[in-house]
Amino acid sequence: MIGILKQMDYSEYLRQQRRLHQRACDLHVKHCVQCGFCCMQRPCVLLPKEIKPIADFLRLSIKELINTYLVVDKYNDSSHFLMVAKETQMDLVGQFVSWERTYDEGYCCFFNKETHNCKIYPVRPKEARDSKCWMDNGHIIGSGYKWQKDDIYKFVPNFTEDDDEDY
């Protein structure tokens, strides 16, 4: 029951945020207006092949990128993947917590709220490049970015299902 209430609260949060962001679909234009709603609604699911270029761009090792900016999430079929963390997913000891525990509030950690730009724009994930709120009303759908069941182990070799609670 608590999960349903949190989801309802989060749905209301998204409705409120939609009213605060002047999105391209609201302005009836066919280009990004850098309102930030897409980056606030849900961060991108990274494809496994996108992790190294992002790490290189940030001059980090893959491990540093994962430990600093990414979180583990899972699909309904229980396969796991890495996605970009949100700014509210840091807990008191500096580790990321599951988006399910924060209900995804806040912006993607790569979104610059002052300039309304992506900090990794040249190497932004495919999901960010494909998102067009003027066509899909700003809803990012990650199903086309699905990882294979064992892909998570390539990046988090000692991952176990119990680790879900720690990410």
N, C-alpha and C. Protein backbone atom coordinates (compact mmCIF):
# COMPACT_ATOMS: atom_id res chain seq x y z
N MET A 1 0.81 -1.20 0.00
CA MET A 1 0.00 0.00 0.00
C MET A 1 0.86 1.27 0.00
N ILE A 2 1.95 1.27 0.75
CA ILE A 2 2.81 2.44 0.81
C ILE A 2 3.35 2.76 -0.58
N GLY A 3 3.76 1.72 -1.33
CA GLY A 3 4.28 1.93 -2.68
C GLY A 3 3.25 2.59 -3.58
N ILE A 4 2.00 2.20 -3.47
CA ILE A 4 0.94 2.80 -4.29
C ILE A 4 0.75 4.26 -3.91
N LEU A 5 0.77 4.56 -2.60
CA LEU A 5 0.63 5.95 -2.17
C LEU A 5 1.79 6.80 -2.68
N LYS A 6 3.01 6.26 -2.61
CA LYS A 6 4.16 7.01 -3.10
C LYS A 6 4.04 7.24 -4.60
N GLN A 7 3.59 6.24 -5.34
CA GLN A 7 3.41 6.40 -6.78
C GLN A 7 2.36 7.46 -7.07
N MET A 8 1.29 7.49 -6.28
CA MET A 8 0.26 8.51 -6.47
C MET A 8 0.84 9.89 -6.17
N ASP A 9 1.62 10.00 -5.09
CA ASP A 9 2.27 11.26 -4.76
C ASP A 9 3.21 11.68 -5.88
N TYR A 10 3.94 10.72 -6.44
CA TYR A 10 4.87 11.04 -7.51
C TYR A 10 4.12 11.47 -8.77
N SER A 11 3.02 10.82 -9.06
CA SER A 11 2.20 11.23 -10.21
C SER A 11 1.72 12.67 -10.04
N GLU A 12 1.31 13.02 -8.84
CA GLU A 12 0.89 14.40 -8.56
C GLU A 12 2.08 15.35 -8.69
N TYR A 13 3.24 14.93 -8.22
CA TYR A 13 4.47 15.73 -8.37
C TYR A 13 4.73 16.01 -9.85
N LEU A 14 4.60 14.99 -10.70
CA LEU A 14 4.82 15.20 -12.14
C LEU A 14 3.79 16.16 -12.73
N ARG A 15 2.53 16.04 -12.31
CA ARG A 15 1.50 16.97 -12.80
C ARG A 15 1.85 18.42 -12.43
N GLN A 16 2.31 18.61 -11.20
CA GLN A 16 2.71 19.95 -10.76
C GLN A 16 3.90 20.46 -11.58
N GLN A 17 4.88 19.59 -11.79
CA GLN A 17 6.07 19.98 -12.55
C GLN A 17 5.73 20.31 -14.00
N ARG A 18 4.79 19.59 -14.60
CA ARG A 18 4.37 19.88 -15.97
C ARG A 18 3.85 21.31 -16.08
N ARG A 19 3.15 21.76 -15.06
CA ARG A 19 2.61 23.13 -15.09
C ARG A 19 3.73 24.18 -14.93
N LEU A 20 4.83 23.81 -14.32
CA LEU A 20 5.94 24.74 -14.09
C LEU A 20 6.91 24.84 -15.26
N HIS A 21 6.90 23.86 -16.14
CA HIS A 21 7.83 23.83 -17.27
C HIS A 21 7.09 24.20 -18.56
N GLN A 22 7.64 25.15 -19.30
CA GLN A 22 7.08 25.48 -20.61
C GLN A 22 7.73 24.58 -21.63
N ARG A 23 7.09 23.44 -21.89
CA ARG A 23 7.64 22.42 -22.78
C ARG A 23 7.35 22.77 -24.24
N ALA A 24 8.15 22.20 -25.14
CA ALA A 24 7.96 22.42 -26.56
C ALA A 24 6.54 22.04 -26.99
N CYS A 25 6.04 20.92 -26.46
CA CYS A 25 4.68 20.50 -26.85
C CYS A 25 3.65 21.51 -26.36
N ASP A 26 3.88 22.19 -25.24
CA ASP A 26 2.96 23.21 -24.75
C ASP A 26 3.03 24.48 -25.60
N LEU A 27 4.22 24.77 -26.12
CA LEU A 27 4.44 25.96 -26.94
C LEU A 27 4.15 25.71 -28.41
N HIS A 28 3.84 24.45 -28.75
CA HIS A 28 3.52 24.05 -30.13
C HIS A 28 4.68 24.31 -31.09
N VAL A 29 5.90 24.04 -30.61
CA VAL A 29 7.07 24.13 -31.47
C VAL A 29 7.68 22.75 -31.61
N LYS A 30 8.45 22.55 -32.66
CA LYS A 30 9.03 21.24 -32.95
C LYS A 30 10.55 21.24 -32.77
N HIS A 31 10.98 21.76 -31.63
CA HIS A 31 12.40 21.72 -31.27
C HIS A 31 12.49 21.85 -29.76
N CYS A 32 13.60 21.41 -29.22
CA CYS A 32 13.81 21.47 -27.77
C CYS A 32 13.91 22.92 -27.32
N VAL A 33 13.19 23.26 -26.28
CA VAL A 33 13.24 24.61 -25.72
C VAL A 33 14.03 24.62 -24.40
N GLN A 34 14.67 23.52 -24.11
CA GLN A 34 15.53 23.37 -22.93
C GLN A 34 14.81 23.72 -21.62
N CYS A 35 13.57 23.26 -21.51
CA CYS A 35 12.81 23.53 -20.29
C CYS A 35 13.27 22.65 -19.13
N GLY A 36 13.85 21.50 -19.43
CA GLY A 36 14.34 20.60 -18.39
C GLY A 36 13.35 19.54 -17.95
N PHE A 37 12.12 19.58 -18.47
CA PHE A 37 11.12 18.62 -17.99
C PHE A 37 11.54 17.18 -18.29
N CYS A 38 12.06 16.92 -19.47
CA CYS A 38 12.51 15.56 -19.80
C CYS A 38 13.59 15.09 -18.81
N CYS A 39 14.50 16.01 -18.47
CA CYS A 39 15.58 15.68 -17.54
C CYS A 39 15.10 15.58 -16.10
N MET A 40 13.92 16.12 -15.83
CA MET A 40 13.33 16.03 -14.51
C MET A 40 12.42 14.81 -14.41
N GLN A 41 11.74 14.49 -15.50
CA GLN A 41 10.74 13.41 -15.47
C GLN A 41 11.37 12.06 -15.16
N ARG A 42 12.38 11.67 -15.89
CA ARG A 42 13.06 10.40 -15.64
C ARG A 42 14.39 10.42 -16.38
N PRO A 43 15.48 10.18 -15.67
CA PRO A 43 16.78 10.14 -16.34
C PRO A 43 16.87 8.99 -17.35
N CYS A 44 17.84 9.10 -18.18
CA CYS A 44 18.01 8.14 -19.27
C CYS A 44 18.55 6.80 -18.81
N VAL A 45 18.06 5.77 -19.47
CA VAL A 45 18.66 4.44 -19.36
C VAL A 45 19.82 4.44 -20.35
N LEU A 46 21.01 4.12 -19.85
CA LEU A 46 22.17 4.08 -20.73
C LEU A 46 22.24 2.74 -21.44
N LEU A 47 22.66 2.77 -22.67
CA LEU A 47 22.99 1.53 -23.36
C LEU A 47 24.39 1.13 -22.90
N PRO A 48 24.66 -0.16 -22.80
CA PRO A 48 26.01 -0.56 -22.35
C PRO A 48 27.13 0.10 -23.14
N LYS A 49 26.94 0.29 -24.45
CA LYS A 49 28.00 0.89 -25.28
C LYS A 49 28.17 2.39 -25.03
N GLU A 50 27.26 3.03 -24.28
CA GLU A 50 27.37 4.46 -24.01
C GLU A 50 28.18 4.78 -22.75
N ILE A 51 28.42 3.80 -21.94
CA ILE A 51 29.07 4.05 -20.65
C ILE A 51 30.52 4.51 -20.82
N LYS A 52 31.29 3.82 -21.62
CA LYS A 52 32.70 4.21 -21.80
C LYS A 52 32.84 5.61 -22.41
N PRO A 53 32.11 5.96 -23.48
CA PRO A 53 32.25 7.33 -24.01
C PRO A 53 31.90 8.42 -22.98
N ILE A 54 30.91 8.18 -22.16
CA ILE A 54 30.56 9.17 -21.13
C ILE A 54 31.68 9.26 -20.10
N ALA A 55 32.19 8.11 -19.67
CA ALA A 55 33.31 8.11 -18.71
C ALA A 55 34.51 8.84 -19.30
N ASP A 56 34.84 8.56 -20.56
CA ASP A 56 35.97 9.23 -21.21
C ASP A 56 35.74 10.74 -21.28
N PHE A 57 34.54 11.15 -21.64
CA PHE A 57 34.21 12.58 -21.74
C PHE A 57 34.41 13.28 -20.40
N LEU A 58 34.03 12.61 -19.33
CA LEU A 58 34.17 13.18 -17.98
C LEU A 58 35.55 12.94 -17.37
N ARG A 59 36.40 12.24 -18.13
CA ARG A 59 37.75 11.89 -17.67
C ARG A 59 37.71 11.08 -16.38
N LEU A 60 36.82 10.09 -16.38
CA LEU A 60 36.66 9.18 -15.25
C LEU A 60 36.85 7.76 -15.73
N SER A 61 37.18 6.89 -14.80
CA SER A 61 37.16 5.47 -15.14
C SER A 61 35.69 5.05 -15.18
N ILE A 62 35.43 3.92 -15.78
CA ILE A 62 34.05 3.41 -15.82
C ILE A 62 33.54 3.21 -14.40
N LYS A 63 34.38 2.66 -13.55
CA LYS A 63 33.98 2.43 -12.15
C LYS A 63 33.64 3.75 -11.45
N GLU A 64 34.47 4.79 -11.67
CA GLU A 64 34.18 6.09 -11.06
C GLU A 64 32.86 6.67 -11.58
N LEU A 65 32.62 6.53 -12.87
CA LEU A 65 31.35 7.01 -13.45
C LEU A 65 30.17 6.32 -12.78
N ILE A 66 30.25 5.00 -12.71
CA ILE A 66 29.16 4.22 -12.12
C ILE A 66 28.95 4.60 -10.67
N ASN A 67 30.03 4.68 -9.91
CA ASN A 67 29.91 4.97 -8.47
C ASN A 67 29.47 6.41 -8.19
N THR A 68 29.72 7.31 -9.12
CA THR A 68 29.43 8.72 -8.90
C THR A 68 28.09 9.17 -9.50
N TYR A 69 27.76 8.66 -10.68
CA TYR A 69 26.63 9.22 -11.41
C TYR A 69 25.52 8.25 -11.82
N LEU A 70 25.71 6.97 -11.62
CA LEU A 70 24.72 6.01 -12.13
C LEU A 70 24.07 5.22 -11.00
N VAL A 71 22.89 4.71 -11.27
CA VAL A 71 22.18 3.85 -10.32
C VAL A 71 21.71 2.60 -11.05
N VAL A 72 21.56 1.54 -10.29
CA VAL A 72 21.03 0.30 -10.83
C VAL A 72 19.51 0.37 -10.74
N ASP A 73 18.86 -0.06 -11.76
CA ASP A 73 17.40 -0.14 -11.77
C ASP A 73 17.05 -1.47 -12.41
N LYS A 74 15.77 -1.80 -12.44
CA LYS A 74 15.39 -3.06 -13.08
C LYS A 74 14.06 -2.92 -13.80
N TYR A 75 13.91 -3.74 -14.81
CA TYR A 75 12.67 -3.83 -15.56
C TYR A 75 11.71 -4.76 -14.83
N ASN A 76 10.48 -4.78 -15.29
CA ASN A 76 9.49 -5.68 -14.69
C ASN A 76 9.90 -7.14 -14.75
N ASP A 77 10.68 -7.52 -15.76
CA ASP A 77 11.11 -8.92 -15.86
C ASP A 77 12.31 -9.20 -14.96
N SER A 78 12.69 -8.23 -14.14
CA SER A 78 13.78 -8.33 -13.17
C SER A 78 15.18 -8.26 -13.76
N SER A 79 15.32 -8.00 -15.05
CA SER A 79 16.67 -7.78 -15.56
C SER A 79 17.09 -6.37 -15.14
N HIS A 80 18.37 -6.18 -14.90
CA HIS A 80 18.89 -4.94 -14.36
C HIS A 80 19.63 -4.13 -15.42
N PHE A 81 19.75 -2.83 -15.17
CA PHE A 81 20.45 -1.93 -16.07
C PHE A 81 20.97 -0.76 -15.25
N LEU A 82 21.79 0.06 -15.88
CA LEU A 82 22.29 1.29 -15.25
C LEU A 82 21.61 2.48 -15.88
N MET A 83 21.24 3.43 -15.04
CA MET A 83 20.66 4.67 -15.55
C MET A 83 21.31 5.84 -14.82
N VAL A 84 21.17 7.01 -15.40
CA VAL A 84 21.72 8.21 -14.80
C VAL A 84 20.92 8.53 -13.54
N ALA A 85 21.63 8.91 -12.49
CA ALA A 85 20.99 9.23 -11.21
C ALA A 85 20.37 10.62 -11.26
N LYS A 86 19.46 10.84 -10.36
CA LYS A 86 18.89 12.16 -10.17
C LYS A 86 19.60 12.84 -9.00
N GLU A 87 19.49 14.15 -8.95
CA GLU A 87 20.16 14.92 -7.90
C GLU A 87 19.67 14.54 -6.51
N THR A 88 18.47 14.02 -6.38
CA THR A 88 17.92 13.68 -5.06
C THR A 88 18.23 12.25 -4.65
N GLN A 89 19.04 11.55 -5.41
CA GLN A 89 19.30 10.16 -5.10
C GLN A 89 20.56 9.95 -4.27
N MET A 90 21.10 11.01 -3.73
CA MET A 90 22.24 10.88 -2.84
C MET A 90 21.73 10.75 -1.41
N ASP A 91 22.25 9.78 -0.69
CA ASP A 91 21.85 9.68 0.71
C ASP A 91 22.89 10.37 1.58
N LEU A 92 22.77 10.26 2.87
CA LEU A 92 23.63 11.00 3.77
C LEU A 92 25.09 10.57 3.75
N VAL A 93 25.37 9.36 3.28
CA VAL A 93 26.77 8.92 3.23
C VAL A 93 27.35 9.06 1.83
N GLY A 94 26.63 9.74 0.93
CA GLY A 94 27.16 10.00 -0.40
C GLY A 94 26.99 8.86 -1.38
N GLN A 95 26.13 7.91 -1.09
CA GLN A 95 25.86 6.83 -2.02
C GLN A 95 24.50 7.06 -2.65
N PHE A 96 24.33 6.59 -3.88
CA PHE A 96 23.04 6.73 -4.53
C PHE A 96 22.06 5.71 -3.98
N VAL A 97 20.80 6.12 -3.92
CA VAL A 97 19.75 5.20 -3.49
C VAL A 97 18.82 4.95 -4.66
N SER A 98 18.12 3.87 -4.63
CA SER A 98 17.23 3.47 -5.70
C SER A 98 16.20 4.54 -5.99
N TRP A 99 15.90 4.76 -7.27
CA TRP A 99 14.88 5.75 -7.64
C TRP A 99 13.53 5.37 -7.05
N GLU A 100 13.31 4.08 -6.78
CA GLU A 100 12.04 3.66 -6.21
C GLU A 100 11.87 4.20 -4.79
N ARG A 101 12.98 4.47 -4.11
CA ARG A 101 12.91 5.01 -2.75
C ARG A 101 12.77 6.52 -2.76
N THR A 102 13.15 7.20 -3.82
CA THR A 102 13.03 8.65 -3.89
C THR A 102 11.92 9.07 -4.83
N TYR A 103 11.39 8.15 -5.58
CA TYR A 103 10.37 8.43 -6.58
C TYR A 103 10.83 9.50 -7.54
N ASP A 104 12.11 9.43 -7.87
CA ASP A 104 12.63 10.17 -9.01
C ASP A 104 12.42 11.68 -8.95
N GLU A 105 12.40 12.28 -7.78
CA GLU A 105 12.24 13.73 -7.72
C GLU A 105 13.56 14.41 -8.03
N GLY A 106 13.49 15.59 -8.61
CA GLY A 106 14.68 16.34 -8.97
C GLY A 106 15.09 16.08 -10.41
N TYR A 107 16.15 16.74 -10.81
CA TYR A 107 16.65 16.64 -12.19
C TYR A 107 17.75 15.59 -12.31
N CYS A 108 17.98 15.16 -13.53
CA CYS A 108 19.12 14.32 -13.86
C CYS A 108 20.37 15.01 -13.33
N CYS A 109 21.30 14.24 -12.79
CA CYS A 109 22.51 14.85 -12.21
C CYS A 109 23.39 15.51 -13.27
N PHE A 110 23.13 15.28 -14.55
CA PHE A 110 23.89 15.93 -15.62
C PHE A 110 23.20 17.18 -16.15
N PHE A 111 22.04 17.51 -15.62
CA PHE A 111 21.31 18.70 -16.06
C PHE A 111 21.80 19.91 -15.28
N ASN A 112 22.24 20.93 -16.00
CA ASN A 112 22.69 22.17 -15.37
C ASN A 112 21.46 23.09 -15.23
N LYS A 113 21.00 23.27 -14.01
CA LYS A 113 19.76 24.05 -13.78
C LYS A 113 19.95 25.54 -14.07
N GLU A 114 21.17 26.03 -14.02
CA GLU A 114 21.40 27.45 -14.30
C GLU A 114 21.34 27.75 -15.79
N THR A 115 21.98 26.90 -16.59
CA THR A 115 22.05 27.14 -18.04
C THR A 115 21.03 26.34 -18.82
N HIS A 116 20.38 25.40 -18.16
CA HIS A 116 19.41 24.49 -18.80
C HIS A 116 20.06 23.70 -19.93
N ASN A 117 21.29 23.29 -19.71
CA ASN A 117 22.02 22.48 -20.67
C ASN A 117 22.43 21.17 -20.05
N CYS A 118 22.72 20.21 -20.90
CA CYS A 118 23.23 18.91 -20.47
C CYS A 118 24.74 19.01 -20.34
N LYS A 119 25.26 18.59 -19.20
CA LYS A 119 26.70 18.65 -18.95
C LYS A 119 27.48 17.65 -19.80
N ILE A 120 26.78 16.65 -20.35
CA ILE A 120 27.45 15.66 -21.20
C ILE A 120 26.84 15.66 -22.61
N TYR A 121 26.36 16.81 -23.04
CA TYR A 121 25.61 16.91 -24.30
C TYR A 121 26.28 16.20 -25.48
N PRO A 122 27.58 16.38 -25.73
CA PRO A 122 28.18 15.72 -26.90
C PRO A 122 28.09 14.19 -26.87
N VAL A 123 28.00 13.62 -25.66
CA VAL A 123 27.95 12.15 -25.53
C VAL A 123 26.66 11.71 -24.81
N ARG A 124 25.65 12.57 -24.83
CA ARG A 124 24.40 12.24 -24.14
C ARG A 124 23.85 10.92 -24.66
N PRO A 125 23.13 10.21 -23.81
CA PRO A 125 22.61 8.91 -24.21
C PRO A 125 21.61 8.99 -25.36
N LYS A 126 21.48 7.89 -26.06
CA LYS A 126 20.53 7.78 -27.18
C LYS A 126 19.13 8.15 -26.74
N GLU A 127 18.77 7.73 -25.55
CA GLU A 127 17.43 8.03 -25.05
C GLU A 127 17.20 9.54 -24.99
N ALA A 128 18.22 10.31 -24.60
CA ALA A 128 18.10 11.77 -24.57
C ALA A 128 18.02 12.32 -26.00
N ARG A 129 18.83 11.77 -26.89
CA ARG A 129 18.81 12.24 -28.28
C ARG A 129 17.47 11.93 -28.94
N ASP A 130 16.85 10.81 -28.57
CA ASP A 130 15.59 10.39 -29.18
C ASP A 130 14.36 11.05 -28.58
N SER A 131 14.47 11.62 -27.39
CA SER A 131 13.33 12.22 -26.72
C SER A 131 12.92 13.50 -27.42
N LYS A 132 11.66 13.57 -27.81
CA LYS A 132 11.12 14.75 -28.49
C LYS A 132 9.74 15.03 -27.90
N CYS A 133 9.71 15.92 -26.92
CA CYS A 133 8.45 16.14 -26.21
C CYS A 133 7.36 16.68 -27.12
N TRP A 134 7.72 17.33 -28.21
CA TRP A 134 6.71 17.84 -29.12
C TRP A 134 6.03 16.71 -29.90
N MET A 135 6.65 15.51 -29.88
CA MET A 135 6.04 14.36 -30.55
C MET A 135 5.40 13.40 -29.56
N ASP A 136 6.04 13.23 -28.40
CA ASP A 136 5.56 12.20 -27.46
C ASP A 136 5.12 12.80 -26.14
N ASN A 137 4.88 14.11 -26.11
CA ASN A 137 4.42 14.80 -24.91
C ASN A 137 5.41 14.68 -23.75
N GLY A 138 6.69 14.53 -24.09
CA GLY A 138 7.73 14.54 -23.07
C GLY A 138 7.91 13.25 -22.31
N HIS A 139 7.22 12.21 -22.69
CA HIS A 139 7.33 10.95 -21.96
C HIS A 139 8.48 10.13 -22.52
N ILE A 140 9.46 9.87 -21.69
CA ILE A 140 10.60 9.06 -22.12
C ILE A 140 10.28 7.61 -21.85
N ILE A 141 10.41 6.81 -22.87
CA ILE A 141 10.13 5.38 -22.73
C ILE A 141 11.43 4.63 -22.93
N GLY A 142 11.89 3.94 -21.90
CA GLY A 142 13.18 3.28 -21.97
C GLY A 142 13.15 1.86 -22.51
N SER A 143 11.99 1.36 -22.89
CA SER A 143 11.91 -0.05 -23.29
C SER A 143 12.75 -0.35 -24.52
N GLY A 144 12.97 0.64 -25.38
CA GLY A 144 13.81 0.42 -26.55
C GLY A 144 15.28 0.39 -26.21
N TYR A 145 15.61 0.62 -24.95
CA TYR A 145 16.98 0.72 -24.50
C TYR A 145 17.30 -0.42 -23.55
N LYS A 146 16.65 -1.53 -23.76
CA LYS A 146 16.73 -2.65 -22.82
C LYS A 146 18.08 -3.35 -22.87
N TRP A 147 18.58 -3.63 -21.70
CA TRP A 147 19.81 -4.40 -21.55
C TRP A 147 19.47 -5.88 -21.60
N GLN A 148 20.45 -6.68 -21.98
CA GLN A 148 20.30 -8.12 -21.88
C GLN A 148 20.42 -8.51 -20.41
N LYS A 149 19.92 -9.65 -20.05
CA LYS A 149 19.84 -10.07 -18.65
C LYS A 149 21.19 -10.00 -17.92
N ASP A 150 22.28 -10.35 -18.57
CA ASP A 150 23.58 -10.40 -17.89
C ASP A 150 24.46 -9.17 -18.13
N ASP A 151 23.98 -8.16 -18.85
CA ASP A 151 24.80 -6.98 -19.13
C ASP A 151 25.26 -6.27 -17.86
N ILE A 152 24.45 -6.26 -16.83
CA ILE A 152 24.80 -5.55 -15.60
C ILE A 152 26.12 -6.06 -15.02
N TYR A 153 26.39 -7.37 -15.18
CA TYR A 153 27.60 -7.96 -14.61
C TYR A 153 28.87 -7.49 -15.31
N LYS A 154 28.76 -6.97 -16.53
CA LYS A 154 29.93 -6.44 -17.23
C LYS A 154 30.42 -5.17 -16.55
N PHE A 155 29.51 -4.44 -15.91
CA PHE A 155 29.85 -3.17 -15.29
C PHE A 155 29.87 -3.22 -13.77
N VAL A 156 29.08 -4.11 -13.20
CA VAL A 156 29.03 -4.30 -11.75
C VAL A 156 29.21 -5.80 -11.51
N PRO A 157 30.46 -6.29 -11.65
CA PRO A 157 30.70 -7.74 -11.64
C PRO A 157 30.22 -8.47 -10.40
N ASN A 158 30.25 -7.83 -9.27
CA ASN A 158 29.85 -8.51 -8.03
C ASN A 158 28.41 -8.19 -7.64
N PHE A 159 27.61 -7.74 -8.61
CA PHE A 159 26.23 -7.38 -8.34
C PHE A 159 25.40 -8.61 -7.96
N THR A 160 24.57 -8.45 -6.95
CA THR A 160 23.60 -9.49 -6.59
C THR A 160 22.24 -8.82 -6.47
N GLU A 161 21.19 -9.59 -6.56
CA GLU A 161 19.83 -9.06 -6.45
C GLU A 161 19.67 -8.32 -5.13
N ASP A 162 20.36 -8.74 -4.08
CA ASP A 162 20.27 -8.08 -2.78
C ASP A 162 20.85 -6.67 -2.84
N ASP A 163 21.73 -6.40 -3.81
CA ASP A 163 22.33 -5.08 -3.95
C ASP A 163 21.31 -4.03 -4.38
N ASP A 164 20.19 -4.47 -4.93
CA ASP A 164 19.14 -3.54 -5.35
C ASP A 164 18.87 -2.51 -4.28
N GLU A 165 18.83 -2.93 -3.06
CA GLU A 165 18.49 -2.05 -1.94
C GLU A 165 19.59 -1.02 -1.71
N ASP A 166 20.82 -1.31 -2.15
CA ASP A 166 21.95 -0.43 -1.89
C ASP A 166 22.16 0.61 -2.96
N TYR A 167 21.53 0.46 -4.13
CA TYR A 167 21.77 1.40 -5.22
C TYR A 167 20.68 2.43 -5.32
